[in-house]
Amino acid sequence: MRIIVLIVLVWLIVGAVAAGQRGYFSNSSETSCASAGTIAVTVIAGPLNYFGVNPKISSCTLPQPS
């Protein structure tokens, strides 16, 4: 079980490094659910980013409060 946790942790760290290299963490002025989604998908894709996977969320809509 510890091996699986370690693999998942390393996977997510590699994904965070890939998102950082793409500059997703430095654009703090552009805050939207699309940019947050792109960061999340990039981190989850992990090492696949280095094999050409370039996940992006182009748009999203949040439900309006009633």
PDB file of N, CA and C in Angstrom:
ATOM      1  N   MET A   1       0.821  -1.197   0.000  1.00  0.00           N
ATOM      2  CA  MET A   1       0.000   0.000   0.000  1.00  0.00           C
ATOM      3  C   MET A   1       0.861   1.256   0.000  1.00  0.00           C
ATOM      4  N   ARG A   2       1.981   1.233   0.718  1.00  0.00           N
ATOM      5  CA  ARG A   2       2.859   2.397   0.768  1.00  0.00           C
ATOM      6  C   ARG A   2       3.466   2.697  -0.604  1.00  0.00           C
ATOM      7  N   ILE A   3       3.717   1.646  -1.374  1.00  0.00           N
ATOM      8  CA  ILE A   3       4.294   1.832  -2.711  1.00  0.00           C
ATOM      9  C   ILE A   3       3.307   2.587  -3.598  1.00  0.00           C
ATOM     10  N   ILE A   4       2.049   2.258  -3.517  1.00  0.00           N
ATOM     11  CA  ILE A   4       1.028   2.929  -4.334  1.00  0.00           C
ATOM     12  C   ILE A   4       0.920   4.400  -3.945  1.00  0.00           C
ATOM     13  N   VAL A   5       0.924   4.686  -2.661  1.00  0.00           N
ATOM     14  CA  VAL A   5       0.866   6.070  -2.192  1.00  0.00           C
ATOM     15  C   VAL A   5       2.091   6.836  -2.676  1.00  0.00           C
ATOM     16  N   LEU A   6       3.250   6.220  -2.619  1.00  0.00           N
ATOM     17  CA  LEU A   6       4.482   6.858  -3.076  1.00  0.00           C
ATOM     18  C   LEU A   6       4.434   7.137  -4.582  1.00  0.00           C
ATOM     19  N   ILE A   7       3.939   6.178  -5.350  1.00  0.00           N
ATOM     20  CA  ILE A   7       3.822   6.365  -6.804  1.00  0.00           C
ATOM     21  C   ILE A   7       2.870   7.500  -7.131  1.00  0.00           C
ATOM     22  N   VAL A   8       1.732   7.561  -6.461  1.00  0.00           N
ATOM     23  CA  VAL A   8       0.763   8.639  -6.702  1.00  0.00           C
ATOM     24  C   VAL A   8       1.351   9.987  -6.316  1.00  0.00           C
ATOM     25  N   LEU A   9       2.048  10.039  -5.212  1.00  0.00           N
ATOM     26  CA  LEU A   9       2.667  11.287  -4.771  1.00  0.00           C
ATOM     27  C   LEU A   9       3.717  11.772  -5.768  1.00  0.00           C
ATOM     28  N   VAL A  10       4.574  10.881  -6.249  1.00  0.00           N
ATOM     29  CA  VAL A  10       5.581  11.243  -7.238  1.00  0.00           C
ATOM     30  C   VAL A  10       4.909  11.679  -8.539  1.00  0.00           C
ATOM     31  N   TRP A  11       3.841  10.986  -8.949  1.00  0.00           N
ATOM     32  CA  TRP A  11       3.081  11.326 -10.158  1.00  0.00           C
ATOM     33  C   TRP A  11       2.568  12.770 -10.072  1.00  0.00           C
ATOM     34  N   LEU A  12       1.978  13.124  -8.935  1.00  0.00           N
ATOM     35  CA  LEU A  12       1.427  14.470  -8.767  1.00  0.00           C
ATOM     36  C   LEU A  12       2.521  15.534  -8.683  1.00  0.00           C
ATOM     37  N   ILE A  13       3.642  15.199  -8.089  1.00  0.00           N
ATOM     38  CA  ILE A  13       4.764  16.145  -8.022  1.00  0.00           C
ATOM     39  C   ILE A  13       5.296  16.419  -9.423  1.00  0.00           C
ATOM     40  N   VAL A  14       5.433  15.392 -10.227  1.00  0.00           N
ATOM     41  CA  VAL A  14       5.892  15.580 -11.609  1.00  0.00           C
ATOM     42  C   VAL A  14       4.885  16.436 -12.379  1.00  0.00           C
ATOM     43  N   GLY A  15       3.600  16.228 -12.154  1.00  0.00           N
ATOM     44  CA  GLY A  15       2.576  17.047 -12.798  1.00  0.00           C
ATOM     45  C   GLY A  15       2.644  18.496 -12.362  1.00  0.00           C
ATOM     46  N   ALA A  16       2.908  18.734 -11.092  1.00  0.00           N
ATOM     47  CA  ALA A  16       3.040  20.105 -10.596  1.00  0.00           C
ATOM     48  C   ALA A  16       4.268  20.782 -11.187  1.00  0.00           C
ATOM     49  N   VAL A  17       5.342  20.042 -11.349  1.00  0.00           N
ATOM     50  CA  VAL A  17       6.542  20.585 -11.983  1.00  0.00           C
ATOM     51  C   VAL A  17       6.242  20.950 -13.438  1.00  0.00           C
ATOM     52  N   ALA A  18       5.514  20.092 -14.140  1.00  0.00           N
ATOM     53  CA  ALA A  18       5.155  20.382 -15.535  1.00  0.00           C
ATOM     54  C   ALA A  18       4.287  21.637 -15.621  1.00  0.00           C
ATOM     55  N   ALA A  19       3.339  21.797 -14.708  1.00  0.00           N
ATOM     56  CA  ALA A  19       2.493  22.998 -14.700  1.00  0.00           C
ATOM     57  C   ALA A  19       3.327  24.230 -14.389  1.00  0.00           C
ATOM     58  N   GLY A  20       4.277  24.110 -13.509  1.00  0.00           N
ATOM     59  CA  GLY A  20       5.158  25.228 -13.193  1.00  0.00           C
ATOM     60  C   GLY A  20       6.038  25.612 -14.365  1.00  0.00           C
ATOM     61  N   GLN A  21       6.532  24.618 -15.101  1.00  0.00           N
ATOM     62  CA  GLN A  21       7.361  24.898 -16.264  1.00  0.00           C
ATOM     63  C   GLN A  21       6.569  25.589 -17.370  1.00  0.00           C
ATOM     64  N   ARG A  22       5.282  25.326 -17.427  1.00  0.00           N
ATOM     65  CA  ARG A  22       4.437  25.978 -18.430  1.00  0.00           C
ATOM     66  C   ARG A  22       3.981  27.360 -17.976  1.00  0.00           C
ATOM     67  N   GLY A  23       4.320  27.752 -16.756  1.00  0.00           N
ATOM     68  CA  GLY A  23       3.999  29.082 -16.264  1.00  0.00           C
ATOM     69  C   GLY A  23       2.577  29.234 -15.750  1.00  0.00           C
ATOM     70  N   TYR A  24       1.913  28.134 -15.437  1.00  0.00           N
ATOM     71  CA  TYR A  24       0.523  28.212 -14.990  1.00  0.00           C
ATOM     72  C   TYR A  24       0.402  28.821 -13.597  1.00  0.00           C
ATOM     73  N   PHE A  25       1.432  28.709 -12.773  1.00  0.00           N
ATOM     74  CA  PHE A  25       1.353  29.239 -11.421  1.00  0.00           C
ATOM     75  C   PHE A  25       1.740  30.714 -11.347  1.00  0.00           C
ATOM     76  N   SER A  26       2.365  31.244 -12.379  1.00  0.00           N
ATOM     77  CA  SER A  26       2.827  32.627 -12.336  1.00  0.00           C
ATOM     78  C   SER A  26       1.787  33.632 -12.823  1.00  0.00           C
ATOM     79  N   ASN A  27       0.763  33.203 -13.520  1.00  0.00           N
ATOM     80  CA  ASN A  27      -0.267  34.100 -14.030  1.00  0.00           C
ATOM     81  C   ASN A  27      -1.378  34.268 -12.998  1.00  0.00           C
ATOM     82  N   SER A  28      -1.081  35.006 -11.930  1.00  0.00           N
ATOM     83  CA  SER A  28      -2.059  35.161 -10.852  1.00  0.00           C
ATOM     84  C   SER A  28      -3.152  36.156 -11.212  1.00  0.00           C
ATOM     85  N   SER A  29      -2.937  37.019 -12.223  1.00  0.00           N
ATOM     86  CA  SER A  29      -3.942  38.012 -12.579  1.00  0.00           C
ATOM     87  C   SER A  29      -5.116  37.384 -13.321  1.00  0.00           C
ATOM     88  N   GLU A  30      -4.878  36.265 -14.005  1.00  0.00           N
ATOM     89  CA  GLU A  30      -5.938  35.603 -14.762  1.00  0.00           C
ATOM     90  C   GLU A  30      -6.509  34.455 -13.933  1.00  0.00           C
ATOM     91  N   THR A  31      -7.538  34.759 -13.167  1.00  0.00           N
ATOM     92  CA  THR A  31      -8.136  33.747 -12.315  1.00  0.00           C
ATOM     93  C   THR A  31      -9.518  33.413 -12.844  1.00  0.00           C
ATOM     94  N   SER A  32      -9.676  32.198 -13.298  1.00  0.00           N
ATOM     95  CA  SER A  32     -10.966  31.731 -13.780  1.00  0.00           C
ATOM     96  C   SER A  32     -11.047  30.233 -13.548  1.00  0.00           C
ATOM     97  N   CYS A  33     -12.232  29.698 -13.697  1.00  0.00           N
ATOM     98  CA  CYS A  33     -12.360  28.258 -13.498  1.00  0.00           C
ATOM     99  C   CYS A  33     -11.664  27.501 -14.631  1.00  0.00           C
ATOM    100  N   ALA A  34     -11.547  28.129 -15.818  1.00  0.00           N
ATOM    101  CA  ALA A  34     -10.846  27.471 -16.921  1.00  0.00           C
ATOM    102  C   ALA A  34      -9.359  27.351 -16.616  1.00  0.00           C
ATOM    103  N   SER A  35      -8.751  28.409 -16.075  1.00  0.00           N
ATOM    104  CA  SER A  35      -7.323  28.324 -15.755  1.00  0.00           C
ATOM    105  C   SER A  35      -7.084  27.368 -14.582  1.00  0.00           C
ATOM    106  N   ALA A  36      -7.967  27.368 -13.610  1.00  0.00           N
ATOM    107  CA  ALA A  36      -7.837  26.423 -12.494  1.00  0.00           C
ATOM    108  C   ALA A  36      -8.017  24.986 -12.978  1.00  0.00           C
ATOM    109  N   GLY A  37      -8.943  24.784 -13.900  1.00  0.00           N
ATOM    110  CA  GLY A  37      -9.145  23.454 -14.471  1.00  0.00           C
ATOM    111  C   GLY A  37      -7.952  22.973 -15.261  1.00  0.00           C
ATOM    112  N   THR A  38      -7.341  23.889 -16.016  1.00  0.00           N
ATOM    113  CA  THR A  38      -6.151  23.538 -16.789  1.00  0.00           C
ATOM    114  C   THR A  38      -5.011  23.132 -15.873  1.00  0.00           C
ATOM    115  N   ILE A  39      -4.828  23.863 -14.792  1.00  0.00           N
ATOM    116  CA  ILE A  39      -3.776  23.515 -13.831  1.00  0.00           C
ATOM    117  C   ILE A  39      -4.057  22.145 -13.217  1.00  0.00           C
ATOM    118  N   ALA A  40      -5.297  21.917 -12.812  1.00  0.00           N
ATOM    119  CA  ALA A  40      -5.646  20.640 -12.184  1.00  0.00           C
ATOM    120  C   ALA A  40      -5.445  19.469 -13.140  1.00  0.00           C
ATOM    121  N   VAL A  41      -5.871  19.622 -14.381  1.00  0.00           N
ATOM    122  CA  VAL A  41      -5.733  18.533 -15.352  1.00  0.00           C
ATOM    123  C   VAL A  41      -4.258  18.290 -15.677  1.00  0.00           C
ATOM    124  N   THR A  42      -3.469  19.354 -15.746  1.00  0.00           N
ATOM    125  CA  THR A  42      -2.036  19.202 -16.011  1.00  0.00           C
ATOM    126  C   THR A  42      -1.356  18.457 -14.872  1.00  0.00           C
ATOM    127  N   VAL A  43      -1.694  18.801 -13.632  1.00  0.00           N
ATOM    128  CA  VAL A  43      -1.101  18.112 -12.482  1.00  0.00           C
ATOM    129  C   VAL A  43      -1.527  16.653 -12.460  1.00  0.00           C
ATOM    130  N   ILE A  44      -2.789  16.384 -12.752  1.00  0.00           N
ATOM    131  CA  ILE A  44      -3.274  14.996 -12.726  1.00  0.00           C
ATOM    132  C   ILE A  44      -2.660  14.178 -13.858  1.00  0.00           C
ATOM    133  N   ALA A  45      -2.425  14.809 -15.024  1.00  0.00           N
ATOM    134  CA  ALA A  45      -1.814  14.085 -16.141  1.00  0.00           C
ATOM    135  C   ALA A  45      -0.382  13.668 -15.827  1.00  0.00           C
ATOM    136  N   GLY A  46       0.259  14.386 -14.899  1.00  0.00           N
ATOM    137  CA  GLY A  46       1.574  14.000 -14.405  1.00  0.00           C
ATOM    138  C   GLY A  46       2.618  13.814 -15.480  1.00  0.00           C
ATOM    139  N   PRO A  47       3.325  12.695 -15.468  1.00  0.00           N
ATOM    140  CA  PRO A  47       4.413  12.455 -16.423  1.00  0.00           C
ATOM    141  C   PRO A  47       3.956  12.400 -17.878  1.00  0.00           C
ATOM    142  N   LEU A  48       2.696  12.205 -18.130  1.00  0.00           N
ATOM    143  CA  LEU A  48       2.218  12.179 -19.515  1.00  0.00           C
ATOM    144  C   LEU A  48       2.450  13.512 -20.208  1.00  0.00           C
ATOM    145  N   ASN A  49       2.572  14.599 -19.430  1.00  0.00           N
ATOM    146  CA  ASN A  49       2.852  15.908 -20.006  1.00  0.00           C
ATOM    147  C   ASN A  49       4.148  15.905 -20.791  1.00  0.00           C
ATOM    148  N   TYR A  50       5.113  15.121 -20.364  1.00  0.00           N
ATOM    149  CA  TYR A  50       6.405  15.086 -21.034  1.00  0.00           C
ATOM    150  C   TYR A  50       6.397  14.200 -22.278  1.00  0.00           C
ATOM    151  N   PHE A  51       5.286  13.524 -22.535  1.00  0.00           N
ATOM    152  CA  PHE A  51       5.134  12.721 -23.747  1.00  0.00           C
ATOM    153  C   PHE A  51       4.211  13.394 -24.747  1.00  0.00           C
ATOM    154  N   GLY A  52       3.949  14.688 -24.550  1.00  0.00           N
ATOM    155  CA  GLY A  52       3.167  15.449 -25.524  1.00  0.00           C
ATOM    156  C   GLY A  52       1.728  15.710 -25.151  1.00  0.00           C
ATOM    157  N   VAL A  53       1.260  15.204 -24.028  1.00  0.00           N
ATOM    158  CA  VAL A  53      -0.108  15.487 -23.603  1.00  0.00           C
ATOM    159  C   VAL A  53      -0.158  16.941 -23.146  1.00  0.00           C
ATOM    160  N   ASN A  54      -1.052  17.721 -23.704  1.00  0.00           N
ATOM    161  CA  ASN A  54      -1.164  19.136 -23.350  1.00  0.00           C
ATOM    162  C   ASN A  54      -2.622  19.434 -23.001  1.00  0.00           C
ATOM    163  N   PRO A  55      -3.060  19.025 -21.826  1.00  0.00           N
ATOM    164  CA  PRO A  55      -4.472  19.220 -21.484  1.00  0.00           C
ATOM    165  C   PRO A  55      -4.784  20.686 -21.208  1.00  0.00           C
ATOM    166  N   LYS A  56      -5.904  21.145 -21.745  1.00  0.00           N
ATOM    167  CA  LYS A  56      -6.356  22.513 -21.493  1.00  0.00           C
ATOM    168  C   LYS A  56      -7.871  22.514 -21.372  1.00  0.00           C
ATOM    169  N   ILE A  57      -8.366  23.335 -20.488  1.00  0.00           N
ATOM    170  CA  ILE A  57      -9.791  23.564 -20.346  1.00  0.00           C
ATOM    171  C   ILE A  57     -10.059  24.925 -20.975  1.00  0.00           C
ATOM    172  N   SER A  58     -10.830  24.967 -22.051  1.00  0.00           N
ATOM    173  CA  SER A  58     -11.011  26.222 -22.758  1.00  0.00           C
ATOM    174  C   SER A  58     -12.060  27.113 -22.125  1.00  0.00           C
ATOM    175  N   SER A  59     -13.092  26.531 -21.585  1.00  0.00           N
ATOM    176  CA  SER A  59     -14.109  27.353 -20.919  1.00  0.00           C
ATOM    177  C   SER A  59     -14.892  26.489 -19.951  1.00  0.00           C
ATOM    178  N   CYS A  60     -15.484  27.169 -18.996  1.00  0.00           N
ATOM    179  CA  CYS A  60     -16.369  26.471 -18.072  1.00  0.00           C
ATOM    180  C   CYS A  60     -17.301  27.510 -17.465  1.00  0.00           C
ATOM    181  N   THR A  61     -18.422  27.059 -17.013  1.00  0.00           N
ATOM    182  CA  THR A  61     -19.375  27.966 -16.380  1.00  0.00           C
ATOM    183  C   THR A  61     -19.712  27.434 -15.003  1.00  0.00           C
ATOM    184  N   LEU A  62     -19.673  28.315 -14.060  1.00  0.00           N
ATOM    185  CA  LEU A  62     -20.033  27.968 -12.695  1.00  0.00           C
ATOM    186  C   LEU A  62     -21.514  28.262 -12.482  1.00  0.00           C
ATOM    187  N   PRO A  63     -22.188  27.462 -11.697  1.00  0.00           N
ATOM    188  CA  PRO A  63     -23.597  27.747 -11.428  1.00  0.00           C
ATOM    189  C   PRO A  63     -23.749  29.048 -10.649  1.00  0.00           C
ATOM    190  N   GLN A  64     -24.719  29.831 -11.026  1.00  0.00           N
ATOM    191  CA  GLN A  64     -24.983  31.096 -10.367  1.00  0.00           C
ATOM    192  C   GLN A  64     -25.754  30.849  -9.070  1.00  0.00           C
ATOM    193  N   PRO A  65     -25.445  31.605  -8.035  1.00  0.00           N
ATOM    194  CA  PRO A  65     -26.198  31.432  -6.774  1.00  0.00           C
ATOM    195  C   PRO A  65     -27.647  31.861  -6.966  1.00  0.00           C
ATOM    196  N   SER A  66     -28.511  31.202  -6.257  1.00  0.00           N
ATOM    197  CA  SER A  66     -29.927  31.529  -6.409  1.00  0.00           C
ATOM    198  C   SER A  66     -30.362  32.617  -5.439  1.00  0.00           C
TER     199      SER A  66
END
